[in-house]
């Protein structure tokens, strides 16, 4: 009996302790909640949000790329666009430099590392020029074809390792009920891309020498038919013969084979540039000298006396074609090409001297031939 009373007393003694323990649980939960909120408030900062964005970019998170880079959204499901961005951001990194916060807005200064945007943009613009129509001899590129830009960007990044450069800029953030969020703006895109969009649109990015060199390269790889269109060749020697087209093709074939250039140097002042170079081309003077000798030999024959005007004209055209085919002479021509920057890029505004050199010094050669012909009469 005594044992039973002692047991009941023991249970009764423990009840207040249990009640106190359970009463303390809500207090502990409240304290835990306050601590959690305090931790969240302290850690949900503009700097953390900015770091999160840069971390997503560096981890090549596709959804982040599409949200942060407006052009990526415009590219839709284009895998080429995402592939080019993956290559660009492959070695991306960024860090917070400072934070300026005012109530519900913040300005986070960050420093990011990206491939050299200027070097990359230069290569893209050069490829754009090379891909443009041969008769468009200018650096006027609106850089508006997003798909093409991403394609060229991927081509450049796949074939070349660009050095990393640092760019500083601000990330703007706003505070919402869900915490700090980054404001997606064109400026943010430009920052994360190391300033690539602005550099691509820079009218001074390429030099006059670079623009002219691309034009000359395209000329060198063009077909004879393209040369015919570029130089508006139609009976170049005014033979009015049935084989005039054949003469033109033979001459342009030889001219194209002889064509090369060296020593491009630009004398640039503001938006104007005189670009000098040396063009090696066919020697039209030598051709006409050979042609004159052949004409003189023909003139001493009986056929020349007995032939009618049509036969003489046909024979003369045939001798000109022979002279072109037999010629192996080339000549060097000093040339100056005038170029101007119209606010979008460098444009060739006077290529007459270049055209004359490509045709073997045609102007002086014809003048010399005509003068000697008149003196001989």
Protein backbone atom coordinates (compact mmCIF):
# COMPACT_ATOMS: atom_id res chain seq x y z
CA UNK A 1 0.00 0.00 0.00
CA UNK A 2 2.82 2.32 0.92
CA UNK A 3 4.53 1.43 -2.33
CA UNK A 4 1.45 2.38 -4.40
CA UNK A 5 1.20 5.81 -2.73
CA UNK A 6 4.89 6.49 -3.44
CA UNK A 7 4.37 5.65 -7.13
CA UNK A 8 1.39 8.00 -7.41
CA UNK A 9 3.35 10.78 -5.74
CA UNK A 10 6.22 10.21 -8.23
CA UNK A 11 3.85 10.53 -11.22
CA UNK A 12 2.24 13.61 -9.72
CA UNK A 13 5.66 15.14 -9.25
CA UNK A 14 6.58 14.62 -12.92
CA UNK A 15 3.42 16.21 -14.37
CA UNK A 16 4.44 19.87 -13.78
CA UNK A 17 7.79 19.18 -15.54
CA UNK A 18 6.04 17.69 -18.59
CA UNK A 19 3.58 20.59 -18.68
CA UNK A 20 6.48 23.08 -18.59
CA UNK A 21 8.27 21.16 -21.39
CA UNK A 22 5.22 21.20 -23.67
CA UNK A 23 4.54 24.83 -22.82
CA UNK A 24 8.10 25.66 -23.93
CA UNK A 25 7.67 24.03 -27.37
CA UNK A 26 5.66 26.95 -28.94
CA UNK A 27 8.20 29.38 -27.53
CA UNK A 28 11.06 27.39 -29.08
CA UNK A 29 9.21 27.18 -32.39
CA UNK A 30 8.65 30.92 -32.31
CA UNK A 31 12.31 31.52 -31.55
CA UNK A 32 13.29 29.15 -34.39
CA UNK A 33 10.95 30.93 -36.79
CA UNK A 34 12.35 34.32 -35.79
CA UNK A 35 15.88 33.00 -36.27
CA UNK A 36 14.95 31.58 -39.68
CA UNK A 37 13.39 34.84 -40.80
CA UNK A 38 16.35 36.78 -39.47
CA UNK A 39 18.73 34.44 -41.30
CA UNK A 40 16.68 34.78 -44.49
CA UNK A 41 16.58 38.55 -44.24
CA UNK A 42 20.29 38.73 -43.62
CA UNK A 43 21.12 36.34 -46.44
CA UNK A 44 18.53 37.46 -49.00
CA UNK A 45 20.58 40.46 -50.07
CA UNK A 46 21.12 42.23 -53.40
CA UNK A 47 24.67 40.88 -53.46
CA UNK A 48 23.42 37.32 -53.04
CA UNK A 49 20.87 37.75 -55.84
CA UNK A 50 23.53 39.17 -58.15
CA UNK A 51 25.90 36.31 -57.33
CA UNK A 52 23.11 33.83 -58.00
CA UNK A 53 22.59 35.22 -61.51
CA UNK A 54 26.30 35.09 -62.29
CA UNK A 55 26.50 31.56 -60.90
CA UNK A 56 23.64 30.44 -63.15
CA UNK A 57 25.42 31.97 -66.13
CA UNK A 58 28.73 30.32 -65.28
CA UNK A 59 26.96 26.95 -64.87
CA UNK A 60 25.50 27.42 -68.38
CA UNK A 61 21.94 27.13 -67.16
CA UNK A 62 19.87 27.34 -70.34
CA UNK A 63 16.84 28.92 -68.68
CA UNK A 64 19.09 31.60 -67.20
CA UNK A 65 20.64 32.31 -70.59
CA UNK A 66 17.22 32.70 -72.18
CA UNK A 67 15.97 34.96 -69.38
CA UNK A 68 19.02 37.17 -69.07
CA UNK A 69 19.99 37.44 -72.75
CA UNK A 70 17.13 39.00 -74.74
CA UNK A 71 18.50 37.82 -78.08
CA UNK A 72 18.49 34.26 -76.81
CA UNK A 73 14.74 34.58 -76.26
CA UNK A 74 14.37 35.94 -79.78
CA UNK A 75 16.25 32.91 -81.05
CA UNK A 76 13.49 30.68 -79.68
CA UNK A 77 14.47 27.05 -79.79
CA UNK A 78 17.49 27.67 -81.98
CA UNK A 79 20.09 25.28 -80.60
CA UNK A 80 22.83 27.11 -82.52
CA UNK A 81 22.15 30.26 -80.51
CA UNK A 82 22.34 28.39 -77.20
CA UNK A 83 25.46 26.54 -78.36
CA UNK A 84 27.20 29.82 -79.16
CA UNK A 85 26.23 31.26 -75.77
CA UNK A 86 27.50 28.12 -74.05
CA UNK A 87 30.85 28.58 -75.78
CA UNK A 88 30.96 32.26 -74.85
CA UNK A 89 30.13 31.68 -71.17
CA UNK A 90 32.30 28.56 -70.84
CA UNK A 91 34.95 30.45 -68.81
CA UNK A 92 32.67 33.16 -67.46
CA UNK A 93 33.11 34.34 -63.89
CA UNK A 94 31.99 37.35 -61.90
CA UNK A 95 32.26 38.91 -58.48
CA UNK A 96 30.50 41.63 -56.55
CA UNK A 97 32.57 44.81 -56.11
CA UNK A 98 30.14 46.97 -54.14
CA UNK A 99 26.46 47.41 -53.30
CA UNK A 100 24.43 50.60 -53.22
CA UNK A 101 21.00 50.04 -51.68
CA UNK A 102 18.10 52.44 -51.33
CA UNK A 103 14.88 51.05 -49.78
CA UNK A 104 13.49 48.59 -52.32
CA UNK A 105 16.07 49.11 -55.04
CA UNK A 106 19.75 48.29 -55.26
CA UNK A 107 22.64 48.85 -57.59
CA UNK A 108 25.27 46.11 -57.44
CA UNK A 109 28.60 46.87 -59.09
CA UNK A 110 30.11 43.66 -60.45
CA UNK A 111 33.23 42.69 -62.35
CA UNK A 112 32.85 39.91 -64.93
CA UNK A 113 35.37 37.97 -67.00
CA UNK A 114 34.44 37.10 -70.57
CA UNK A 115 36.20 36.40 -73.89
CA UNK A 116 37.65 39.59 -75.38
CA UNK A 117 34.53 41.17 -76.88
CA UNK A 118 36.44 43.51 -79.17
CA UNK A 119 38.53 40.74 -80.70
CA UNK A 120 35.46 38.52 -81.10
CA UNK A 121 33.37 41.34 -82.60
CA UNK A 122 36.15 42.14 -85.07
CA UNK A 123 36.23 38.56 -86.30
CA UNK A 124 32.43 38.45 -86.58
CA UNK A 125 32.32 41.70 -88.56
CA UNK A 126 35.08 40.48 -90.89
CA UNK A 127 33.12 37.29 -91.53
CA UNK A 128 30.00 39.38 -92.18
CA UNK A 129 31.94 41.34 -94.79
CA UNK A 130 33.26 38.16 -96.39
CA UNK A 131 29.76 36.73 -96.56
CA UNK A 132 28.28 39.87 -98.10
CA UNK A 133 27.72 40.39 -101.80
CA UNK A 134 30.94 41.18 -103.66
CA UNK A 135 29.54 44.38 -105.12
CA UNK A 136 28.67 45.61 -101.61
CA UNK A 137 32.18 46.94 -100.99
CA UNK A 138 31.36 48.57 -97.67
CA UNK A 139 31.36 47.84 -93.95
CA UNK A 140 27.66 48.67 -93.62
CA UNK A 141 26.36 45.94 -91.39
CA UNK A 142 23.20 46.44 -89.34
CA UNK A 143 24.03 43.30 -87.34
CA UNK A 144 20.29 42.66 -87.14
CA UNK A 145 20.21 39.07 -88.33
CA UNK A 146 20.36 37.41 -84.92
CA UNK A 147 20.60 33.87 -86.25
CA UNK A 148 23.50 34.77 -88.53
CA UNK A 149 25.34 36.58 -85.74
CA UNK A 150 25.04 33.57 -83.43
CA UNK A 151 26.20 31.28 -86.22
CA UNK A 152 29.30 33.39 -86.82
CA UNK A 153 29.84 33.74 -83.07
CA UNK A 154 29.85 29.96 -82.73
CA UNK A 155 32.21 29.66 -85.69
CA UNK A 156 34.68 32.11 -84.13
CA UNK A 157 34.55 30.66 -80.61
CA UNK A 158 34.90 27.10 -81.91
CA UNK A 159 37.99 27.89 -83.93
CA UNK A 160 39.82 30.38 -81.73
CA UNK A 161 40.68 30.78 -78.05
CA UNK A 162 40.05 34.40 -77.09
CA UNK A 163 41.82 35.91 -74.06
CA UNK A 164 39.63 36.77 -71.09
CA UNK A 165 39.02 40.43 -70.28
CA UNK A 166 37.33 42.12 -67.34
CA UNK A 167 34.30 44.38 -67.58
CA UNK A 168 32.73 46.36 -64.75
CA UNK A 169 29.09 47.35 -64.67
CA UNK A 170 25.97 47.58 -62.54
CA UNK A 171 23.22 45.05 -61.96
CA UNK A 172 19.93 46.66 -60.96
CA UNK A 173 17.70 44.83 -58.47
CA UNK A 174 14.26 45.33 -56.99
CA UNK A 175 12.93 44.02 -53.69
CA UNK A 176 9.66 42.07 -53.89
CA UNK A 177 7.67 39.87 -51.51
CA UNK A 178 9.72 36.96 -52.79
CA UNK A 179 13.01 38.71 -52.20
CA UNK A 180 15.51 40.57 -54.38
CA UNK A 181 15.17 40.05 -58.12
CA UNK A 182 17.42 41.17 -60.96
CA UNK A 183 15.97 43.60 -63.49
CA UNK A 184 16.52 42.16 -66.96
CA UNK A 185 17.67 45.03 -69.19
CA UNK A 186 19.72 45.42 -72.38
CA UNK A 187 22.43 46.92 -70.19
CA UNK A 188 22.55 43.72 -68.13
CA UNK A 189 22.86 41.63 -71.29
CA UNK A 190 25.65 43.84 -72.54
CA UNK A 191 27.47 43.59 -69.21
CA UNK A 192 27.29 39.80 -69.09
CA UNK A 193 28.47 39.65 -72.72
CA UNK A 194 31.44 41.89 -71.97
CA UNK A 195 30.05 44.75 -74.06
CA UNK A 196 29.79 42.62 -77.22
CA UNK A 197 26.53 44.17 -78.60
CA UNK A 198 27.93 47.72 -78.47
CA UNK A 199 31.28 46.72 -79.95
CA UNK A 200 29.57 44.86 -82.80
CA UNK A 201 27.74 48.07 -83.73
CA UNK A 202 30.82 50.30 -83.44
CA UNK A 203 31.34 51.99 -86.85
CA UNK A 204 35.05 52.38 -86.09
CA UNK A 205 35.63 48.75 -85.11
CA UNK A 206 37.23 47.75 -88.42
CA UNK A 207 40.01 49.79 -90.00
CA UNK A 208 39.98 50.98 -93.63
CA UNK A 209 42.81 48.54 -94.34
CA UNK A 210 40.79 45.62 -92.99
CA UNK A 211 37.69 46.52 -95.00
CA UNK A 212 39.66 46.98 -98.22
CA UNK A 213 41.64 43.77 -97.66
CA UNK A 214 38.41 41.76 -97.38
CA UNK A 215 37.14 43.32 -100.62
CA UNK A 216 40.40 42.42 -102.38
CA UNK A 217 40.26 38.86 -101.04
CA UNK A 218 36.74 38.48 -102.38
CA UNK A 219 37.90 39.79 -105.75
CA UNK A 220 40.72 37.27 -105.79
CA UNK A 221 38.36 34.35 -105.18
CA UNK A 222 35.59 35.59 -107.48
CA UNK A 223 34.82 33.94 -110.81
CA UNK A 224 35.53 35.45 -114.21
CA UNK A 225 31.77 35.85 -114.68
CA UNK A 226 31.63 37.89 -111.46
CA UNK A 227 34.48 40.09 -112.67
CA UNK A 228 32.50 40.70 -115.85
CA UNK A 229 29.60 42.02 -113.79
CA UNK A 230 31.70 44.00 -111.32
CA UNK A 231 33.65 45.85 -114.02
CA UNK A 232 30.71 46.05 -116.44
CA UNK A 233 32.77 44.47 -119.19
CA UNK A 234 31.08 44.25 -122.58
CA UNK A 235 33.42 44.31 -125.55
CA UNK A 236 36.19 45.84 -123.44
CA UNK A 237 38.43 46.61 -126.43
CA UNK A 238 35.56 47.87 -128.61
CA UNK A 239 36.30 45.37 -131.37
CA UNK A 240 32.64 45.02 -132.36
CA UNK A 241 33.64 41.54 -133.51
CA UNK A 242 31.68 38.32 -133.32
CA UNK A 243 34.21 36.92 -130.82
CA UNK A 244 34.19 40.03 -128.58
CA UNK A 245 32.81 38.02 -125.62
CA UNK A 246 35.56 35.43 -126.06
CA UNK A 247 38.17 38.21 -126.04
CA UNK A 248 36.68 39.66 -122.84
CA UNK A 249 36.67 36.29 -121.08
CA UNK A 250 40.25 35.52 -122.09
CA UNK A 251 41.45 38.92 -120.92
CA UNK A 252 39.61 38.77 -117.58
CA UNK A 253 40.85 35.21 -117.01
CA UNK A 254 44.43 36.37 -117.47
CA UNK A 255 43.82 39.49 -115.39
CA UNK A 256 42.37 37.47 -112.52
CA UNK A 257 45.28 35.01 -112.61
CA UNK A 258 47.82 37.87 -112.45
CA UNK A 259 46.06 39.76 -109.64
CA UNK A 260 47.68 40.20 -106.23
CA UNK A 261 48.37 43.09 -103.86
CA UNK A 262 50.80 44.21 -101.16
CA UNK A 263 51.62 47.10 -98.85
CA UNK A 264 48.18 48.32 -97.78
CA UNK A 265 48.60 51.53 -95.79
CA UNK A 266 45.92 53.98 -94.75
CA UNK A 267 46.31 57.71 -94.32
CA UNK A 268 43.27 58.43 -92.17
CA UNK A 269 41.96 61.75 -90.94
CA UNK A 270 38.63 61.62 -89.13
CA UNK A 271 36.03 59.98 -91.33
CA UNK A 272 38.18 60.11 -94.48
CA UNK A 273 40.94 57.73 -95.50
CA UNK A 274 43.22 57.43 -98.52
CA UNK A 275 44.42 53.84 -98.66
CA UNK A 276 47.50 53.16 -100.75
CA UNK A 277 48.61 49.76 -102.00
CA UNK A 278 50.54 48.11 -104.81
CA UNK A 279 48.53 45.99 -107.21
CA UNK A 280 50.19 43.42 -109.40
CA UNK A 281 48.13 42.83 -112.50
CA UNK A 282 48.11 41.91 -116.12
CA UNK A 283 50.25 44.17 -118.33
CA UNK A 284 47.76 45.53 -120.84
CA UNK A 285 50.43 47.78 -122.34
CA UNK A 286 52.52 44.73 -123.21
CA UNK A 287 49.47 43.04 -124.76
CA UNK A 288 48.74 46.03 -126.99
CA UNK A 289 52.39 46.27 -128.04
CA UNK A 290 52.31 42.62 -129.11
CA UNK A 291 49.01 43.28 -130.83
CA UNK A 292 50.45 46.23 -132.72
CA UNK A 293 53.36 44.13 -133.97
CA UNK A 294 50.94 41.48 -135.19
CA UNK A 295 48.84 44.11 -136.96
CA UNK A 296 51.89 45.53 -138.67
CA UNK A 297 52.91 42.06 -139.83
CA UNK A 298 49.44 41.42 -141.13
CA UNK A 299 49.41 44.82 -142.86
CA UNK A 300 52.40 43.77 -144.94
CA UNK A 301 50.64 40.68 -146.30
CA UNK A 302 48.71 40.32 -149.54
CA UNK A 303 45.62 39.30 -147.56
CA UNK A 304 45.50 42.66 -145.84
CA UNK A 305 45.29 44.36 -149.24
CA UNK A 306 42.71 42.00 -150.74
CA UNK A 307 40.50 41.46 -147.67
CA UNK A 308 37.33 43.47 -147.29
CA UNK A 309 36.61 45.52 -144.16
CA UNK A 310 34.73 42.68 -142.49
CA UNK A 311 37.62 40.26 -143.01
CA UNK A 312 40.14 42.83 -141.76
CA UNK A 313 38.01 43.44 -138.64
CA UNK A 314 37.70 39.72 -137.99
CA UNK A 315 41.46 39.23 -138.48
CA UNK A 316 42.25 42.13 -136.16
CA UNK A 317 40.04 40.64 -133.42
CA UNK A 318 41.70 37.27 -133.90
CA UNK A 319 45.16 38.84 -133.55
CA UNK A 320 44.07 40.63 -130.35
CA UNK A 321 42.87 37.34 -128.87
CA UNK A 322 46.23 35.76 -129.78
CA UNK A 323 48.10 38.64 -128.14
CA UNK A 324 46.13 38.24 -124.90
CA UNK A 325 46.62 34.45 -124.86
CA UNK A 326 50.36 34.69 -125.51
CA UNK A 327 51.03 37.42 -122.94
CA UNK A 328 52.78 36.41 -119.71
CA UNK A 329 53.82 39.88 -118.57
CA UNK A 330 52.60 41.44 -115.36
CA UNK A 331 53.16 44.89 -113.94
CA UNK A 332 53.00 46.64 -110.57
CA UNK A 333 50.64 49.59 -110.19
CA UNK A 334 50.65 52.03 -107.27
CA UNK A 335 47.02 52.62 -106.32
CA UNK A 336 45.13 54.90 -103.94
CA UNK A 337 41.59 53.98 -102.89
CA UNK A 338 39.38 56.61 -101.28
CA UNK A 339 37.27 55.49 -98.31
CA UNK A 340 34.88 57.28 -95.97
CA UNK A 341 33.17 56.34 -92.73
CA UNK A 342 29.47 57.13 -93.04
CA UNK A 343 28.63 56.45 -89.39
CA UNK A 344 28.04 52.73 -89.84
CA UNK A 345 31.43 51.70 -91.17
CA UNK A 346 34.05 52.32 -93.87
CA UNK A 347 32.84 52.58 -97.46
CA UNK A 348 34.90 52.55 -100.66
CA UNK A 349 33.93 55.81 -102.37
CA UNK A 350 36.44 55.91 -105.24
CA UNK A 351 37.95 52.73 -106.65
CA UNK A 352 38.65 53.98 -110.18
CA UNK A 353 42.43 53.69 -109.76
CA UNK A 354 42.01 50.18 -108.40
CA UNK A 355 39.79 49.15 -111.30
CA UNK A 356 42.28 50.52 -113.81
CA UNK A 357 45.10 48.57 -112.15
CA UNK A 358 43.07 45.36 -112.08
CA UNK A 359 42.60 45.77 -115.84
CA UNK A 360 46.32 46.14 -116.30
CA UNK A 361 46.65 49.91 -116.52
CA UNK A 362 44.05 50.00 -119.25
CA UNK A 363 43.79 53.80 -119.50
CA UNK A 364 47.48 54.51 -120.11
CA UNK A 365 47.88 51.42 -122.29
CA UNK A 366 45.06 52.45 -124.63
CA UNK A 367 46.30 56.05 -124.66
CA UNK A 368 49.80 54.90 -125.63
CA UNK A 369 48.45 52.57 -128.29
CA UNK A 370 46.27 55.29 -129.80
CA UNK A 371 49.09 57.83 -129.77
CA UNK A 372 51.54 55.53 -131.49
CA UNK A 373 48.88 54.54 -133.99
CA UNK A 374 48.18 58.16 -134.91
CA UNK A 375 51.87 58.99 -135.11
CA UNK A 376 52.44 56.08 -137.44
CA UNK A 377 49.81 57.25 -139.91
